[in-house]
Amino acid sequence: TKDSIFMHCLPAHRGEEVAASVIDGAKSVVWREAFHRRTTIQALL
């Protein structure tokens, strides 16, 4: 879809499971996922 996002739990291997143009592109939210590892573990605790 036009408003779609790309997600990856990281670490990533560009050129294998994902193209660099995708993970580093406008639809990628991988850094926000990484940010929320802290907020969700904090909430869980």
All heavy atoms as atom14 arrays in JSON, in Angstrom:
{
  "sequence": "TKDSIFMHCLPAHRGEEVAASVIDGAKSVVWREAFHRRTTIQALL",
  "atom14_mask": [
    [1, 1, 1, 1, 1, 1, 1, 0, 0, 0, 0, 0, 0, 0],
    [1, 1, 1, 1, 1, 1, 1, 1, 1, 0, 0, 0, 0, 0],
    [1, 1, 1, 1, 1, 1, 1, 1, 0, 0, 0, 0, 0, 0],
    [1, 1, 1, 1, 1, 1, 0, 0, 0, 0, 0, 0, 0, 0],
    [1, 1, 1, 1, 1, 1, 1, 1, 0, 0, 0, 0, 0, 0],
    [1, 1, 1, 1, 1, 1, 1, 1, 1, 1, 1, 0, 0, 0],
    [1, 1, 1, 1, 1, 1, 1, 1, 0, 0, 0, 0, 0, 0],
    [1, 1, 1, 1, 1, 1, 1, 1, 1, 1, 0, 0, 0, 0],
    [1, 1, 1, 1, 1, 1, 0, 0, 0, 0, 0, 0, 0, 0],
    [1, 1, 1, 1, 1, 1, 1, 1, 0, 0, 0, 0, 0, 0],
    [1, 1, 1, 1, 1, 1, 1, 0, 0, 0, 0, 0, 0, 0],
    [1, 1, 1, 1, 1, 0, 0, 0, 0, 0, 0, 0, 0, 0],
    [1, 1, 1, 1, 1, 1, 1, 1, 1, 1, 0, 0, 0, 0],
    [1, 1, 1, 1, 1, 1, 1, 1, 1, 1, 1, 0, 0, 0],
    [1, 1, 1, 1, 0, 0, 0, 0, 0, 0, 0, 0, 0, 0],
    [1, 1, 1, 1, 1, 1, 1, 1, 1, 0, 0, 0, 0, 0],
    [1, 1, 1, 1, 1, 1, 1, 1, 1, 0, 0, 0, 0, 0],
    [1, 1, 1, 1, 1, 1, 1, 0, 0, 0, 0, 0, 0, 0],
    [1, 1, 1, 1, 1, 0, 0, 0, 0, 0, 0, 0, 0, 0],
    [1, 1, 1, 1, 1, 0, 0, 0, 0, 0, 0, 0, 0, 0],
    [1, 1, 1, 1, 1, 1, 0, 0, 0, 0, 0, 0, 0, 0],
    [1, 1, 1, 1, 1, 1, 1, 0, 0, 0, 0, 0, 0, 0],
    [1, 1, 1, 1, 1, 1, 1, 1, 0, 0, 0, 0, 0, 0],
    [1, 1, 1, 1, 1, 1, 1, 1, 0, 0, 0, 0, 0, 0],
    [1, 1, 1, 1, 0, 0, 0, 0, 0, 0, 0, 0, 0, 0],
    [1, 1, 1, 1, 1, 0, 0, 0, 0, 0, 0, 0, 0, 0],
    [1, 1, 1, 1, 1, 1, 1, 1, 1, 0, 0, 0, 0, 0],
    [1, 1, 1, 1, 1, 1, 0, 0, 0, 0, 0, 0, 0, 0],
    [1, 1, 1, 1, 1, 1, 1, 0, 0, 0, 0, 0, 0, 0],
    [1, 1, 1, 1, 1, 1, 1, 0, 0, 0, 0, 0, 0, 0],
    [1, 1, 1, 1, 1, 1, 1, 1, 1, 1, 1, 1, 1, 1],
    [1, 1, 1, 1, 1, 1, 1, 1, 1, 1, 1, 0, 0, 0],
    [1, 1, 1, 1, 1, 1, 1, 1, 1, 0, 0, 0, 0, 0],
    [1, 1, 1, 1, 1, 0, 0, 0, 0, 0, 0, 0, 0, 0],
    [1, 1, 1, 1, 1, 1, 1, 1, 1, 1, 1, 0, 0, 0],
    [1, 1, 1, 1, 1, 1, 1, 1, 1, 1, 0, 0, 0, 0],
    [1, 1, 1, 1, 1, 1, 1, 1, 1, 1, 1, 0, 0, 0],
    [1, 1, 1, 1, 1, 1, 1, 1, 1, 1, 1, 0, 0, 0],
    [1, 1, 1, 1, 1, 1, 1, 0, 0, 0, 0, 0, 0, 0],
    [1, 1, 1, 1, 1, 1, 1, 0, 0, 0, 0, 0, 0, 0],
    [1, 1, 1, 1, 1, 1, 1, 1, 0, 0, 0, 0, 0, 0],
    [1, 1, 1, 1, 1, 1, 1, 1, 1, 0, 0, 0, 0, 0],
    [1, 1, 1, 1, 1, 0, 0, 0, 0, 0, 0, 0, 0, 0],
    [1, 1, 1, 1, 1, 1, 1, 1, 0, 0, 0, 0, 0, 0],
    [1, 1, 1, 1, 1, 1, 1, 1, 0, 0, 0, 0, 0, 0]
  ],
  "atom14_positions": [
    [[0.83, -1.21, 0.0], [0.0, 0.0, 0.0], [0.87, 1.26, 0.0], [2.05, 1.21, 0.33], [-0.91, 0.03, 1.24], [-0.09, 0.06, 2.42], [-1.83, -1.19, 1.27], [0.0, 0.0, 0.0], [0.0, 0.0, 0.0], [0.0, 0.0, 0.0], [0.0, 0.0, 0.0], [0.0, 0.0, 0.0], [0.0, 0.0, 0.0], [0.0, 0.0, 0.0]],
    [[0.26, 2.39, -0.33], [1.0, 3.66, -0.39], [1.57, 4.04, 0.97], [2.64, 4.65, 1.05], [0.08, 4.78, -0.9], [-0.18, 4.73, -2.39], [-0.97, 5.94, -2.84], [-1.19, 5.92, -4.36], [-1.98, 7.1, -4.8], [0.0, 0.0, 0.0], [0.0, 0.0, 0.0], [0.0, 0.0, 0.0], [0.0, 0.0, 0.0], [0.0, 0.0, 0.0]],
    [[0.85, 3.69, 2.04], [1.31, 4.07, 3.38], [2.03, 2.93, 4.11], [2.16, 2.95, 5.33], [0.14, 4.57, 4.24], [-0.91, 3.48, 4.51], [-0.84, 2.4, 3.87], [-1.8, 3.72, 5.35], [0.0, 0.0, 0.0], [0.0, 0.0, 0.0], [0.0, 0.0, 0.0], [0.0, 0.0, 0.0], [0.0, 0.0, 0.0], [0.0, 0.0, 0.0]],
    [[2.52, 1.96, 3.35], [3.16, 0.79, 3.96], [4.49, 1.15, 4.62], [5.08, 2.19, 4.32], [3.39, -0.3, 2.92], [4.37, 0.13, 1.97], [0.0, 0.0, 0.0], [0.0, 0.0, 0.0], [0.0, 0.0, 0.0], [0.0, 0.0, 0.0], [0.0, 0.0, 0.0], [0.0, 0.0, 0.0], [0.0, 0.0, 0.0], [0.0, 0.0, 0.0]],
    [[4.92, 0.28, 5.52], [6.21, 0.45, 6.19], [7.03, -0.84, 6.07], [6.48, -1.93, 5.93], [6.05, 0.84, 7.68], [5.18, -0.18, 8.43], [5.49, 2.24, 7.8], [5.05, 0.08, 9.93], [0.0, 0.0, 0.0], [0.0, 0.0, 0.0], [0.0, 0.0, 0.0], [0.0, 0.0, 0.0], [0.0, 0.0, 0.0], [0.0, 0.0, 0.0]],
    [[8.34, -0.67, 6.15], [9.25, -1.82, 6.2], [9.8, -1.97, 7.6], [10.25, -0.99, 8.21], [10.41, -1.64, 5.21], [11.49, -2.67, 5.41], [11.3, -3.99, 5.0], [12.67, -2.36, 6.09], [12.26, -4.96, 5.24], [13.64, -3.32, 6.32], [13.44, -4.62, 5.89], [0.0, 0.0, 0.0], [0.0, 0.0, 0.0], [0.0, 0.0, 0.0]],
    [[9.78, -3.21, 8.11], [10.24, -3.48, 9.47], [11.3, -4.58, 9.47], [11.27, -5.49, 8.65], [9.06, -3.87, 10.37], [7.94, -2.86, 10.38], [6.58, -3.27, 11.53], [7.3, -2.73, 13.09], [0.0, 0.0, 0.0], [0.0, 0.0, 0.0], [0.0, 0.0, 0.0], [0.0, 0.0, 0.0], [0.0, 0.0, 0.0], [0.0, 0.0, 0.0]],
    [[12.22, -4.48, 10.42], [13.3, -5.46, 10.57], [13.77, -5.37, 12.02], [13.98, -4.27, 12.55], [14.44, -5.11, 9.61], [15.47, -6.18, 9.42], [16.14, -6.8, 10.46], [15.97, -6.74, 8.28], [16.99, -7.69, 9.98], [16.9, -7.68, 8.65], [0.0, 0.0, 0.0], [0.0, 0.0, 0.0], [0.0, 0.0, 0.0], [0.0, 0.0, 0.0]],
    [[13.97, -6.51, 12.65], [14.36, -6.5, 14.06], [15.84, -6.16, 14.27], [16.23, -5.83, 15.4], [14.03, -7.83, 14.73], [14.76, -9.25, 13.9], [0.0, 0.0, 0.0], [0.0, 0.0, 0.0], [0.0, 0.0, 0.0], [0.0, 0.0, 0.0], [0.0, 0.0, 0.0], [0.0, 0.0, 0.0], [0.0, 0.0, 0.0], [0.0, 0.0, 0.0]],
    [[16.64, -6.22, 13.21], [18.07, -5.93, 13.24], [18.84, -6.95, 14.11], [18.25, -7.54, 15.01], [18.32, -4.5, 13.75], [17.66, -3.37, 12.96], [17.97, -2.01, 13.61], [18.11, -3.36, 11.51], [0.0, 0.0, 0.0], [0.0, 0.0, 0.0], [0.0, 0.0, 0.0], [0.0, 0.0, 0.0], [0.0, 0.0, 0.0], [0.0, 0.0, 0.0]],
    [[20.1, -7.21, 13.82], [20.93, -6.59, 12.78], [20.5, -7.03, 11.38], [19.91, -8.09, 11.22], [22.34, -7.1, 13.11], [22.11, -8.43, 13.74], [20.84, -8.27, 14.55], [0.0, 0.0, 0.0], [0.0, 0.0, 0.0], [0.0, 0.0, 0.0], [0.0, 0.0, 0.0], [0.0, 0.0, 0.0], [0.0, 0.0, 0.0], [0.0, 0.0, 0.0]],
    [[20.8, -6.2, 10.39], [20.42, -6.46, 9.0], [21.65, -6.7, 8.15], [22.72, -6.15, 8.42], [19.62, -5.29, 8.46], [0.0, 0.0, 0.0], [0.0, 0.0, 0.0], [0.0, 0.0, 0.0], [0.0, 0.0, 0.0], [0.0, 0.0, 0.0], [0.0, 0.0, 0.0], [0.0, 0.0, 0.0], [0.0, 0.0, 0.0], [0.0, 0.0, 0.0]],
    [[21.46, -7.5, 7.11], [22.52, -7.73, 6.13], [22.03, -7.21, 4.78], [21.31, -7.91, 4.05], [22.86, -9.22, 6.05], [23.48, -9.75, 7.31], [23.49, -11.09, 7.64], [24.12, -9.11, 8.33], [24.09, -11.26, 8.81], [24.48, -10.07, 9.24], [0.0, 0.0, 0.0], [0.0, 0.0, 0.0], [0.0, 0.0, 0.0], [0.0, 0.0, 0.0]],
    [[22.4, -6.0, 4.48], [21.98, -5.38, 3.22], [22.52, -6.19, 2.04], [23.67, -6.6, 2.04], [22.48, -3.94, 3.15], [21.77, -3.0, 4.13], [22.56, -1.72, 4.32], [21.84, -0.75, 5.17], [21.82, -0.82, 6.51], [22.48, -1.78, 7.15], [21.14, 0.09, 7.2], [0.0, 0.0, 0.0], [0.0, 0.0, 0.0], [0.0, 0.0, 0.0]],
    [[21.65, -6.41, 1.07], [22.03, -7.21, -0.09], [21.71, -8.68, 0.07], [21.87, -9.45, -0.89], [0.0, 0.0, 0.0], [0.0, 0.0, 0.0], [0.0, 0.0, 0.0], [0.0, 0.0, 0.0], [0.0, 0.0, 0.0], [0.0, 0.0, 0.0], [0.0, 0.0, 0.0], [0.0, 0.0, 0.0], [0.0, 0.0, 0.0], [0.0, 0.0, 0.0]],
    [[21.26, -9.08, 1.27], [20.81, -10.45, 1.48], [19.3, -10.46, 1.66], [18.57, -10.52, 0.68], [21.54, -11.09, 2.67], [23.01, -11.31, 2.4], [23.76, -11.93, 3.57], [23.11, -12.36, 4.56], [25.0, -12.02, 3.5], [0.0, 0.0, 0.0], [0.0, 0.0, 0.0], [0.0, 0.0, 0.0], [0.0, 0.0, 0.0], [0.0, 0.0, 0.0]],
    [[18.82, -10.35, 2.91], [17.37, -10.41, 3.13], [16.66, -9.11, 2.75], [15.45, -9.1, 2.54], [17.05, -10.77, 4.59], [17.22, -9.65, 5.6], [18.64, -9.51, 6.12], [19.53, -10.24, 5.62], [18.86, -8.68, 7.02], [0.0, 0.0, 0.0], [0.0, 0.0, 0.0], [0.0, 0.0, 0.0], [0.0, 0.0, 0.0], [0.0, 0.0, 0.0]],
    [[17.43, -8.01, 2.65], [16.81, -6.73, 2.3], [17.77, -5.89, 1.48], [18.98, -5.89, 1.71], [16.38, -5.96, 3.58], [17.58, -5.65, 4.47], [15.63, -4.68, 3.23], [0.0, 0.0, 0.0], [0.0, 0.0, 0.0], [0.0, 0.0, 0.0], [0.0, 0.0, 0.0], [0.0, 0.0, 0.0], [0.0, 0.0, 0.0], [0.0, 0.0, 0.0]],
    [[17.23, -5.17, 0.52], [18.03, -4.24, -0.27], [18.32, -2.99, 0.54], [17.48, -2.54, 1.33], [17.3, -3.87, -1.55], [0.0, 0.0, 0.0], [0.0, 0.0, 0.0], [0.0, 0.0, 0.0], [0.0, 0.0, 0.0], [0.0, 0.0, 0.0], [0.0, 0.0, 0.0], [0.0, 0.0, 0.0], [0.0, 0.0, 0.0], [0.0, 0.0, 0.0]],
    [[19.5, -2.42, 0.34], [19.86, -1.19, 1.05], [18.86, -0.07, 0.76], [18.53, 0.73, 1.65], [21.26, -0.75, 0.65], [0.0, 0.0, 0.0], [0.0, 0.0, 0.0], [0.0, 0.0, 0.0], [0.0, 0.0, 0.0], [0.0, 0.0, 0.0], [0.0, 0.0, 0.0], [0.0, 0.0, 0.0], [0.0, 0.0, 0.0], [0.0, 0.0, 0.0]],
    [[18.35, -0.03, -0.46], [17.41, 1.02, -0.84], [16.11, 0.93, -0.05], [15.4, 1.93, 0.11], [17.1, 0.94, -2.34], [16.61, -0.35, -2.68], [0.0, 0.0, 0.0], [0.0, 0.0, 0.0], [0.0, 0.0, 0.0], [0.0, 0.0, 0.0], [0.0, 0.0, 0.0], [0.0, 0.0, 0.0], [0.0, 0.0, 0.0], [0.0, 0.0, 0.0]],
    [[15.78, -0.26, 0.45], [14.56, -0.44, 1.24], [14.81, -0.1, 2.7], [14.11, 0.73, 3.29], [14.02, -1.88, 1.11], [12.86, -2.11, 2.09], [13.58, -2.16, -0.32], [0.0, 0.0, 0.0], [0.0, 0.0, 0.0], [0.0, 0.0, 0.0], [0.0, 0.0, 0.0], [0.0, 0.0, 0.0], [0.0, 0.0, 0.0], [0.0, 0.0, 0.0]],
    [[15.82, -0.71, 3.3], [16.04, -0.49, 4.74], [16.48, 0.94, 5.03], [16.21, 1.47, 6.12], [17.04, -1.52, 5.31], [17.01, -1.49, 6.85], [18.45, -1.3, 4.78], [17.77, -2.61, 7.51], [0.0, 0.0, 0.0], [0.0, 0.0, 0.0], [0.0, 0.0, 0.0], [0.0, 0.0, 0.0], [0.0, 0.0, 0.0], [0.0, 0.0, 0.0]],
    [[17.14, 1.57, 4.07], [17.57, 2.95, 4.26], [16.63, 3.95, 3.57], [16.94, 5.14, 3.49], [19.0, 3.14, 3.73], [20.0, 2.26, 4.46], [19.88, 2.16, 5.7], [20.87, 1.66, 3.81], [0.0, 0.0, 0.0], [0.0, 0.0, 0.0], [0.0, 0.0, 0.0], [0.0, 0.0, 0.0], [0.0, 0.0, 0.0], [0.0, 0.0, 0.0]],
    [[15.49, 3.43, 3.11], [14.55, 4.27, 2.37], [13.48, 4.9, 3.24], [13.44, 4.72, 4.47], [0.0, 0.0, 0.0], [0.0, 0.0, 0.0], [0.0, 0.0, 0.0], [0.0, 0.0, 0.0], [0.0, 0.0, 0.0], [0.0, 0.0, 0.0], [0.0, 0.0, 0.0], [0.0, 0.0, 0.0], [0.0, 0.0, 0.0], [0.0, 0.0, 0.0]],
    [[12.56, 5.6, 2.6], [11.55, 6.4, 3.3], [10.53, 5.55, 4.06], [9.94, 6.03, 5.04], [10.84, 7.3, 2.3], [0.0, 0.0, 0.0], [0.0, 0.0, 0.0], [0.0, 0.0, 0.0], [0.0, 0.0, 0.0], [0.0, 0.0, 0.0], [0.0, 0.0, 0.0], [0.0, 0.0, 0.0], [0.0, 0.0, 0.0], [0.0, 0.0, 0.0]],
    [[10.3, 4.32, 3.65], [9.31, 3.48, 4.3], [9.86, 2.72, 5.51], [9.1, 2.1, 6.26], [8.72, 2.47, 3.29], [7.79, 3.1, 2.27], [7.23, 2.05, 1.31], [6.22, 2.64, 0.36], [4.93, 2.95, 1.02], [0.0, 0.0, 0.0], [0.0, 0.0, 0.0], [0.0, 0.0, 0.0], [0.0, 0.0, 0.0], [0.0, 0.0, 0.0]],
    [[11.15, 2.77, 5.69], [11.78, 2.0, 6.77], [11.54, 2.63, 8.14], [11.71, 3.84, 8.31], [13.28, 1.89, 6.52], [13.92, 1.2, 7.58], [0.0, 0.0, 0.0], [0.0, 0.0, 0.0], [0.0, 0.0, 0.0], [0.0, 0.0, 0.0], [0.0, 0.0, 0.0], [0.0, 0.0, 0.0], [0.0, 0.0, 0.0], [0.0, 0.0, 0.0]],
    [[11.15, 1.79, 9.11], [10.93, 2.27, 10.49], [11.82, 1.5, 11.47], [11.52, 1.39, 12.65], [9.44, 2.13, 10.9], [8.57, 3.05, 10.07], [8.97, 0.68, 10.79], [0.0, 0.0, 0.0], [0.0, 0.0, 0.0], [0.0, 0.0, 0.0], [0.0, 0.0, 0.0], [0.0, 0.0, 0.0], [0.0, 0.0, 0.0], [0.0, 0.0, 0.0]],
    [[12.93, 0.95, 10.98], [13.74, 0.05, 11.8], [14.35, 0.75, 13.02], [14.52, 0.13, 14.07], [14.84, -0.63, 10.96], [14.23, -1.48, 9.85], [15.83, 0.37, 10.39], [0.0, 0.0, 0.0], [0.0, 0.0, 0.0], [0.0, 0.0, 0.0], [0.0, 0.0, 0.0], [0.0, 0.0, 0.0], [0.0, 0.0, 0.0], [0.0, 0.0, 0.0]],
    [[14.66, 2.05, 12.89], [15.27, 2.74, 14.03], [14.24, 3.02, 15.11], [14.55, 3.01, 16.3], [15.95, 4.03, 13.56], [16.8, 3.8, 12.34], [16.67, 4.37, 11.12], [17.89, 2.87, 12.24], [17.61, 3.86, 10.25], [18.37, 2.93, 10.92], [18.51, 1.98, 13.13], [19.42, 2.16, 10.46], [19.56, 1.21, 12.67], [20.01, 1.3, 11.36]],
    [[13.01, 3.24, 14.7], [11.94, 3.43, 15.69], [11.65, 2.12, 16.42], [11.36, 2.12, 17.62], [10.68, 3.95, 15.0], [9.61, 4.46, 15.95], [10.09, 5.66, 16.75], [9.02, 6.18, 17.62], [9.21, 7.11, 18.53], [10.41, 7.66, 18.68], [8.21, 7.54, 19.28], [0.0, 0.0, 0.0], [0.0, 0.0, 0.0], [0.0, 0.0, 0.0]],
    [[11.72, 1.01, 15.7], [11.58, -0.3, 16.36], [12.66, -0.47, 17.43], [12.37, -0.91, 18.55], [11.73, -1.43, 15.34], [10.61, -1.59, 14.36], [10.97, -2.66, 13.34], [10.8, -3.85, 13.64], [11.44, -2.3, 12.24], [0.0, 0.0, 0.0], [0.0, 0.0, 0.0], [0.0, 0.0, 0.0], [0.0, 0.0, 0.0], [0.0, 0.0, 0.0]],
    [[13.89, -0.14, 17.07], [14.99, -0.27, 18.02], [14.77, 0.62, 19.24], [15.01, 0.22, 20.38], [16.31, 0.08, 17.34], [0.0, 0.0, 0.0], [0.0, 0.0, 0.0], [0.0, 0.0, 0.0], [0.0, 0.0, 0.0], [0.0, 0.0, 0.0], [0.0, 0.0, 0.0], [0.0, 0.0, 0.0], [0.0, 0.0, 0.0], [0.0, 0.0, 0.0]],
    [[14.29, 1.85, 19.02], [13.99, 2.76, 20.11], [12.99, 2.15, 21.09], [13.14, 2.24, 22.31], [13.45, 4.07, 19.56], [12.83, 4.98, 20.6], [13.62, 5.76, 21.42], [11.44, 5.03, 20.76], [13.05, 6.59, 22.38], [10.88, 5.85, 21.72], [11.68, 6.64, 22.54], [0.0, 0.0, 0.0], [0.0, 0.0, 0.0], [0.0, 0.0, 0.0]],
    [[11.97, 1.51, 20.55], [10.9, 0.98, 21.4], [11.27, -0.34, 22.09], [10.48, -0.82, 22.92], [9.6, 0.84, 20.62], [8.84, 2.11, 20.52], [8.47, 2.84, 21.63], [8.39, 2.82, 19.43], [7.81, 3.93, 21.24], [7.76, 3.94, 19.92], [0.0, 0.0, 0.0], [0.0, 0.0, 0.0], [0.0, 0.0, 0.0], [0.0, 0.0, 0.0]],
    [[12.44, -0.88, 21.81], [12.9, -2.01, 22.63], [13.02, -1.56, 24.09], [12.67, -2.3, 25.02], [14.25, -2.55, 22.14], [14.25, -3.2, 20.76], [13.26, -4.34, 20.64], [13.41, -5.32, 21.71], [14.38, -6.26, 21.78], [15.29, -6.33, 20.83], [14.42, -7.1, 22.79], [0.0, 0.0, 0.0], [0.0, 0.0, 0.0], [0.0, 0.0, 0.0]],
    [[13.51, -0.32, 24.3], [13.65, 0.18, 25.67], [12.3, 0.48, 26.3], [12.02, 0.07, 27.42], [14.52, 1.45, 25.68], [14.86, 1.96, 27.1], [13.86, 2.98, 27.62], [13.81, 4.18, 26.8], [12.91, 5.13, 26.96], [11.96, 5.03, 27.87], [12.9, 6.18, 26.17], [0.0, 0.0, 0.0], [0.0, 0.0, 0.0], [0.0, 0.0, 0.0]],
    [[11.44, 1.18, 25.58], [10.16, 1.58, 26.19], [9.31, 0.38, 26.55], [8.63, 0.38, 27.59], [9.36, 2.52, 25.25], [8.91, 1.79, 24.11], [10.19, 3.71, 24.82], [0.0, 0.0, 0.0], [0.0, 0.0, 0.0], [0.0, 0.0, 0.0], [0.0, 0.0, 0.0], [0.0, 0.0, 0.0], [0.0, 0.0, 0.0], [0.0, 0.0, 0.0]],
    [[9.32, -0.66, 25.72], [8.48, -1.84, 25.98], [9.06, -2.72, 27.07], [8.32, -3.28, 27.88], [8.24, -2.64, 24.69], [9.47, -2.82, 23.98], [7.26, -1.93, 23.78], [0.0, 0.0, 0.0], [0.0, 0.0, 0.0], [0.0, 0.0, 0.0], [0.0, 0.0, 0.0], [0.0, 0.0, 0.0], [0.0, 0.0, 0.0], [0.0, 0.0, 0.0]],
    [[10.38, -2.86, 27.13], [10.99, -3.62, 28.22], [10.79, -2.88, 29.54], [10.51, -3.5, 30.58], [12.48, -3.9, 27.94], [12.62, -4.93, 26.82], [13.2, -4.4, 29.2], [14.04, -5.17, 26.35], [0.0, 0.0, 0.0], [0.0, 0.0, 0.0], [0.0, 0.0, 0.0], [0.0, 0.0, 0.0], [0.0, 0.0, 0.0], [0.0, 0.0, 0.0]],
    [[10.87, -1.57, 29.5], [10.61, -0.76, 30.69], [9.17, -0.97, 31.16], [8.9, -1.16, 32.36], [10.87, 0.71, 30.39], [10.85, 1.61, 31.62], [11.27, 3.04, 31.3], [11.79, 3.32, 30.22], [11.06, 3.94, 32.24], [0.0, 0.0, 0.0], [0.0, 0.0, 0.0], [0.0, 0.0, 0.0], [0.0, 0.0, 0.0], [0.0, 0.0, 0.0]],
    [[8.22, -0.96, 30.22], [6.82, -1.19, 30.56], [6.61, -2.59, 31.12], [5.88, -2.77, 32.11], [5.95, -0.98, 29.32], [0.0, 0.0, 0.0], [0.0, 0.0, 0.0], [0.0, 0.0, 0.0], [0.0, 0.0, 0.0], [0.0, 0.0, 0.0], [0.0, 0.0, 0.0], [0.0, 0.0, 0.0], [0.0, 0.0, 0.0], [0.0, 0.0, 0.0]],
    [[7.24, -3.57, 30.51], [7.13, -4.96, 30.99], [7.63, -5.1, 32.42], [6.97, -5.71, 33.27], [7.95, -5.88, 30.09], [7.24, -6.69, 29.01], [8.25, -7.51, 28.25], [6.15, -7.57, 29.6], [0.0, 0.0, 0.0], [0.0, 0.0, 0.0], [0.0, 0.0, 0.0], [0.0, 0.0, 0.0], [0.0, 0.0, 0.0], [0.0, 0.0, 0.0]],
    [[8.81, -4.55, 32.68], [9.37, -4.62, 34.02], [8.45, -3.95, 35.04], [8.18, -4.5, 36.11], [10.75, -3.95, 34.06], [11.92, -4.74, 33.51], [13.14, -3.85, 33.34], [12.26, -5.92, 34.44], [0.0, 0.0, 0.0], [0.0, 0.0, 0.0], [0.0, 0.0, 0.0], [0.0, 0.0, 0.0], [0.0, 0.0, 0.0], [0.0, 0.0, 0.0]]
  ]
}
